[in-house]
């Protein structure tokens, strides 16, 4: 049978492919997830975050300079973390590709109980020379609006970031890699407060404050969620929208 992706087809017995972002959609609102995955309804799109994508590319480029060597970036050395080196693997570039993640060699895993193939695209992986474990690394970009505020993972919307890390570590663990339960978020914080020239004669340069935040992953939610997704896509009727779902509120307003 052909790969099972896009709109769910109950006649296709191949594992149904779900990216990390689609799993997050289910957590936010099962009804919206059902409409997209089962009914094939396309929701309004939002503009891409091109600046965030640019910092991801630049960070990966910097760490790629050390990939395949026993050396590491001076940023990590300055944090007394020189034992972490960019991990090299024949499939590493495939792991970083979030689109078409379901293909062979990419960062995916079939959860047999739910018959779901889940995964996504990694930003980076570091090898710990002290423990011989891998650390999954996720790049994030922001520009805080409050001077002197420290970057943290405490903001409510960052629960989705944590689940992203949980799932990536879980998938890599299921694939047989020796992965640490400590992941890292490497944050670029665009500096709008320090006294420096942004606009130069021919170009402009923004400075970024960098933070490396460790995070201990939590797998407890993953398998129950996958089983709930399996139940959801097999329903013949759409479930109710969550109370705080903006799309659900909009549709309710239109229908009144």
Protein backbone atom coordinates (compact mmCIF):
# COMPACT_ATOMS: atom_id res chain seq x y z
CA UNK A 1 0.00 0.00 0.00
CA UNK A 2 1.11 3.62 -0.48
CA UNK A 3 2.34 5.68 2.45
CA UNK A 4 -0.50 6.68 4.76
CA UNK A 5 -0.39 10.46 5.18
CA UNK A 6 -2.55 13.53 4.65
CA UNK A 7 -6.24 12.76 5.06
CA UNK A 8 -6.78 9.63 7.14
CA UNK A 9 -7.92 6.62 5.13
CA UNK A 10 -9.34 3.75 7.25
CA UNK A 11 -8.79 1.37 4.32
CA UNK A 12 -5.02 1.99 4.34
CA UNK A 13 -3.46 -0.34 6.91
CA UNK A 14 -0.04 1.30 6.74
CA UNK A 15 1.00 3.31 9.82
CA UNK A 16 -0.60 6.76 9.64
CA UNK A 17 2.06 9.48 9.56
CA UNK A 18 1.70 12.31 12.07
CA UNK A 19 4.25 15.05 12.58
CA UNK A 20 4.96 16.54 15.97
CA UNK A 21 2.99 19.67 15.04
CA UNK A 22 -0.11 17.62 14.14
CA UNK A 23 0.10 15.86 17.50
CA UNK A 24 0.25 19.28 19.14
CA UNK A 25 -2.86 20.25 17.16
CA UNK A 26 -4.69 17.32 18.74
CA UNK A 27 -3.64 18.40 22.22
CA UNK A 28 -4.87 21.95 21.56
CA UNK A 29 -8.23 20.83 20.15
CA UNK A 30 -9.30 17.32 19.06
CA UNK A 31 -12.10 18.79 16.94
CA UNK A 32 -9.76 20.94 14.85
CA UNK A 33 -7.41 17.99 14.53
CA UNK A 34 -10.29 15.76 13.34
CA UNK A 35 -11.45 18.31 10.78
CA UNK A 36 -7.94 18.56 9.34
CA UNK A 37 -6.85 14.93 9.45
CA UNK A 38 -10.12 13.08 8.86
CA UNK A 39 -12.30 15.53 6.93
CA UNK A 40 -9.35 17.02 5.02
CA UNK A 41 -10.37 20.62 5.78
CA UNK A 42 -7.59 23.18 5.29
CA UNK A 43 -7.44 25.80 8.02
CA UNK A 44 -6.32 29.42 7.41
CA UNK A 45 -2.55 29.57 7.14
CA UNK A 46 -0.28 31.94 9.04
CA UNK A 47 2.88 33.66 7.74
CA UNK A 48 6.16 31.84 8.26
CA UNK A 49 8.63 33.02 10.90
CA UNK A 50 11.49 33.83 8.55
CA UNK A 51 13.74 35.47 11.16
CA UNK A 52 13.44 32.40 13.38
CA UNK A 53 14.25 30.17 10.42
CA UNK A 54 17.30 32.32 9.65
CA UNK A 55 18.73 31.99 13.15
CA UNK A 56 18.16 28.21 12.96
CA UNK A 57 20.15 28.04 9.72
CA UNK A 58 22.97 30.18 11.09
CA UNK A 59 23.26 28.22 14.34
CA UNK A 60 23.34 24.91 12.52
CA UNK A 61 25.97 26.28 10.15
CA UNK A 62 28.17 27.27 13.10
CA UNK A 63 27.86 23.87 14.79
CA UNK A 64 28.34 22.04 11.49
CA UNK A 65 31.89 23.40 11.39
CA UNK A 66 32.73 21.04 14.26
CA UNK A 67 30.57 18.08 13.26
CA UNK A 68 32.66 14.98 12.70
CA UNK A 69 35.55 16.26 14.81
CA UNK A 70 36.39 15.97 18.50
CA UNK A 71 36.15 19.75 18.86
CA UNK A 72 33.23 21.93 19.84
CA UNK A 73 32.06 25.51 19.65
CA UNK A 74 33.61 28.15 21.91
CA UNK A 75 30.12 29.02 23.15
CA UNK A 76 29.92 25.63 24.86
CA UNK A 77 33.52 25.81 26.05
CA UNK A 78 32.78 29.17 27.68
CA UNK A 79 29.93 27.49 29.61
CA UNK A 80 32.32 24.76 30.83
CA UNK A 81 30.46 22.35 28.59
CA UNK A 82 33.26 21.51 26.21
CA UNK A 83 32.41 17.83 26.64
CA UNK A 84 29.40 18.38 24.36
CA UNK A 85 30.29 18.10 20.67
CA UNK A 86 28.04 18.27 17.59
CA UNK A 87 27.00 14.70 16.79
CA UNK A 88 27.84 13.23 13.40
CA UNK A 89 25.74 10.47 11.83
CA UNK A 90 25.11 9.37 8.22
CA UNK A 91 21.42 10.23 8.61
CA UNK A 92 21.87 13.49 10.49
CA UNK A 93 20.79 15.72 7.59
CA UNK A 94 17.70 13.55 7.12
CA UNK A 95 16.85 13.94 10.82
CA UNK A 96 16.78 17.72 10.40
CA UNK A 97 14.18 17.63 7.60
CA UNK A 98 10.74 18.16 9.07
CA UNK A 99 8.96 17.89 5.70
CA UNK A 100 8.24 14.37 4.48
CA UNK A 101 9.55 13.05 7.78
CA UNK A 102 7.86 9.72 7.15
CA UNK A 103 10.41 8.55 4.57
CA UNK A 104 13.14 6.01 5.28
CA UNK A 105 16.07 7.19 7.41
CA UNK A 106 14.33 10.21 8.84
CA UNK A 107 13.49 10.96 12.47
CA UNK A 108 10.39 8.80 12.86
CA UNK A 109 9.09 5.77 14.73
CA UNK A 110 6.05 3.52 14.34
CA UNK A 111 4.10 3.14 17.57
CA UNK A 112 2.59 -0.29 16.97
CA UNK A 113 -0.24 -0.07 19.52
CA UNK A 114 -1.74 2.97 17.75
CA UNK A 115 -0.32 2.21 14.27
CA UNK A 116 0.93 5.81 14.07
CA UNK A 117 4.26 6.83 12.58
CA UNK A 118 5.37 9.90 14.52
CA UNK A 119 8.36 12.20 14.32
CA UNK A 120 9.56 15.53 13.01
CA UNK A 121 12.72 17.45 12.28
CA UNK A 122 15.54 17.97 14.78
CA UNK A 123 17.54 21.18 15.04
CA UNK A 124 20.65 19.56 16.46
CA UNK A 125 22.10 16.65 18.42
CA UNK A 126 25.14 16.88 20.71
CA UNK A 127 27.26 13.98 21.90
CA UNK A 128 28.29 13.96 25.56
CA UNK A 129 31.87 12.66 25.76
CA UNK A 130 31.56 12.11 29.53
CA UNK A 131 28.41 9.98 29.50
CA UNK A 132 28.42 8.80 25.86
CA UNK A 133 24.79 9.92 25.62
CA UNK A 134 23.13 12.08 22.99
CA UNK A 135 21.40 15.33 23.88
CA UNK A 136 18.60 16.59 21.64
CA UNK A 137 18.91 20.35 21.04
CA UNK A 138 16.19 22.73 19.92
CA UNK A 139 16.94 26.25 18.69
CA UNK A 140 14.50 29.00 19.68
CA UNK A 141 14.43 32.71 18.84
CA UNK A 142 12.66 35.60 20.52
CA UNK A 143 13.07 39.25 21.47
CA UNK A 144 11.87 39.95 24.97
CA UNK A 145 9.95 43.15 25.61
CA UNK A 146 11.15 43.60 29.21
CA UNK A 147 14.67 44.79 29.91
CA UNK A 148 16.77 42.46 32.08
CA UNK A 149 14.29 39.58 32.02
CA UNK A 150 15.93 36.18 31.97
CA UNK A 151 14.87 33.60 29.42
CA UNK A 152 13.00 30.71 31.03
CA UNK A 153 10.70 27.84 30.12
CA UNK A 154 7.98 28.98 32.53
CA UNK A 155 5.68 30.80 30.09
CA UNK A 156 2.43 28.88 29.51
CA UNK A 157 2.85 28.65 25.70
CA UNK A 158 6.23 26.97 26.18
CA UNK A 159 4.49 23.79 27.33
CA UNK A 160 4.27 23.05 23.59
CA UNK A 161 8.06 23.49 23.33
CA UNK A 162 8.53 21.00 26.15
CA UNK A 163 6.23 18.47 24.50
CA UNK A 164 8.21 18.90 21.31
CA UNK A 165 11.40 17.99 23.15
CA UNK A 166 9.65 15.12 24.96
CA UNK A 167 8.53 13.58 21.67
CA UNK A 168 11.88 13.98 19.90
CA UNK A 169 13.82 12.38 22.74
CA UNK A 170 11.23 9.59 22.95
CA UNK A 171 11.41 8.86 19.22
CA UNK A 172 15.22 8.78 19.19
CA UNK A 173 15.17 6.52 22.25
CA UNK A 174 12.69 4.17 20.53
CA UNK A 175 15.01 4.08 17.51
CA UNK A 176 17.70 2.59 19.75
CA UNK A 177 19.95 5.58 20.39
CA UNK A 178 21.45 6.20 23.81
CA UNK A 179 19.67 9.50 24.43
CA UNK A 180 19.90 11.53 27.62
CA UNK A 181 16.67 12.56 29.33
CA UNK A 182 18.17 16.06 29.46
CA UNK A 183 17.49 18.09 26.34
CA UNK A 184 18.67 21.62 25.66
CA UNK A 185 16.95 24.73 24.33
CA UNK A 186 19.42 27.15 22.76
CA UNK A 187 17.72 30.54 22.85
CA UNK A 188 18.56 33.59 20.71
CA UNK A 189 17.13 36.72 22.35
CA UNK A 190 17.20 39.73 20.03
CA UNK A 191 18.66 42.61 22.06
CA UNK A 192 16.53 45.76 21.79
CA UNK A 193 17.81 47.39 25.00
CA UNK A 194 21.63 47.59 24.88
CA UNK A 195 23.25 50.74 23.54
CA UNK A 196 24.63 49.77 20.13
CA UNK A 197 24.18 50.87 16.55
CA UNK A 198 21.67 48.75 14.69
CA UNK A 199 21.87 50.56 11.35
CA UNK A 200 25.33 50.81 9.76
CA UNK A 201 26.45 52.49 6.56
CA UNK A 202 25.43 49.66 4.25
CA UNK A 203 23.67 47.14 6.47
CA UNK A 204 22.13 46.55 9.88
CA UNK A 205 23.18 44.17 12.66
CA UNK A 206 21.14 42.98 15.61
CA UNK A 207 22.86 41.50 18.63
CA UNK A 208 21.44 38.44 20.34
CA UNK A 209 21.81 37.36 23.93
CA UNK A 210 22.27 33.60 24.05
CA UNK A 211 20.93 31.23 26.70
CA UNK A 212 21.26 27.46 27.01
CA UNK A 213 18.40 25.98 29.02
CA UNK A 214 18.42 22.33 30.16
CA UNK A 215 15.12 20.49 30.32
CA UNK A 216 14.28 17.09 31.83
CA UNK A 217 11.88 15.34 29.50
CA UNK A 218 8.56 13.78 30.43
CA UNK A 219 7.33 10.76 28.45
CA UNK A 220 4.20 10.09 30.52
CA UNK A 221 1.81 11.88 28.17
CA UNK A 222 3.07 10.47 24.87
CA UNK A 223 1.62 6.96 24.54
CA UNK A 224 -1.78 7.81 26.09
CA UNK A 225 -2.02 10.73 23.65
CA UNK A 226 -1.18 8.51 20.68
CA UNK A 227 -3.90 6.06 21.71
CA UNK A 228 -6.38 8.94 22.09
CA UNK A 229 -5.45 10.13 18.62
CA UNK A 230 -6.07 6.64 17.29
CA UNK A 231 -9.54 6.66 18.85
CA UNK A 232 -10.22 10.13 17.45
CA UNK A 233 -9.40 9.40 13.81
CA UNK A 234 -11.61 6.31 13.89
CA UNK A 235 -14.69 8.26 14.97
CA UNK A 236 -17.51 8.84 12.50
CA UNK A 237 -18.43 12.19 14.03
CA UNK A 238 -16.31 15.19 14.90
CA UNK A 239 -15.65 15.64 18.64
CA UNK A 240 -16.47 18.88 20.44
CA UNK A 241 -14.10 21.84 20.25
CA UNK A 242 -12.27 22.71 23.43
CA UNK A 243 -13.78 25.67 25.29
CA UNK A 244 -10.72 27.85 24.67
CA UNK A 245 -10.37 26.91 20.97
CA UNK A 246 -10.43 30.11 18.90
CA UNK A 247 -11.66 28.30 15.78
CA UNK A 248 -14.44 26.68 17.78
CA UNK A 249 -15.49 30.06 19.21
CA UNK A 250 -15.45 31.58 15.72
CA UNK A 251 -17.58 28.78 14.24
CA UNK A 252 -20.03 29.00 17.14
CA UNK A 253 -20.38 32.76 16.56
CA UNK A 254 -21.01 32.26 12.83
CA UNK A 255 -23.66 29.62 13.44
CA UNK A 256 -25.58 31.72 15.98
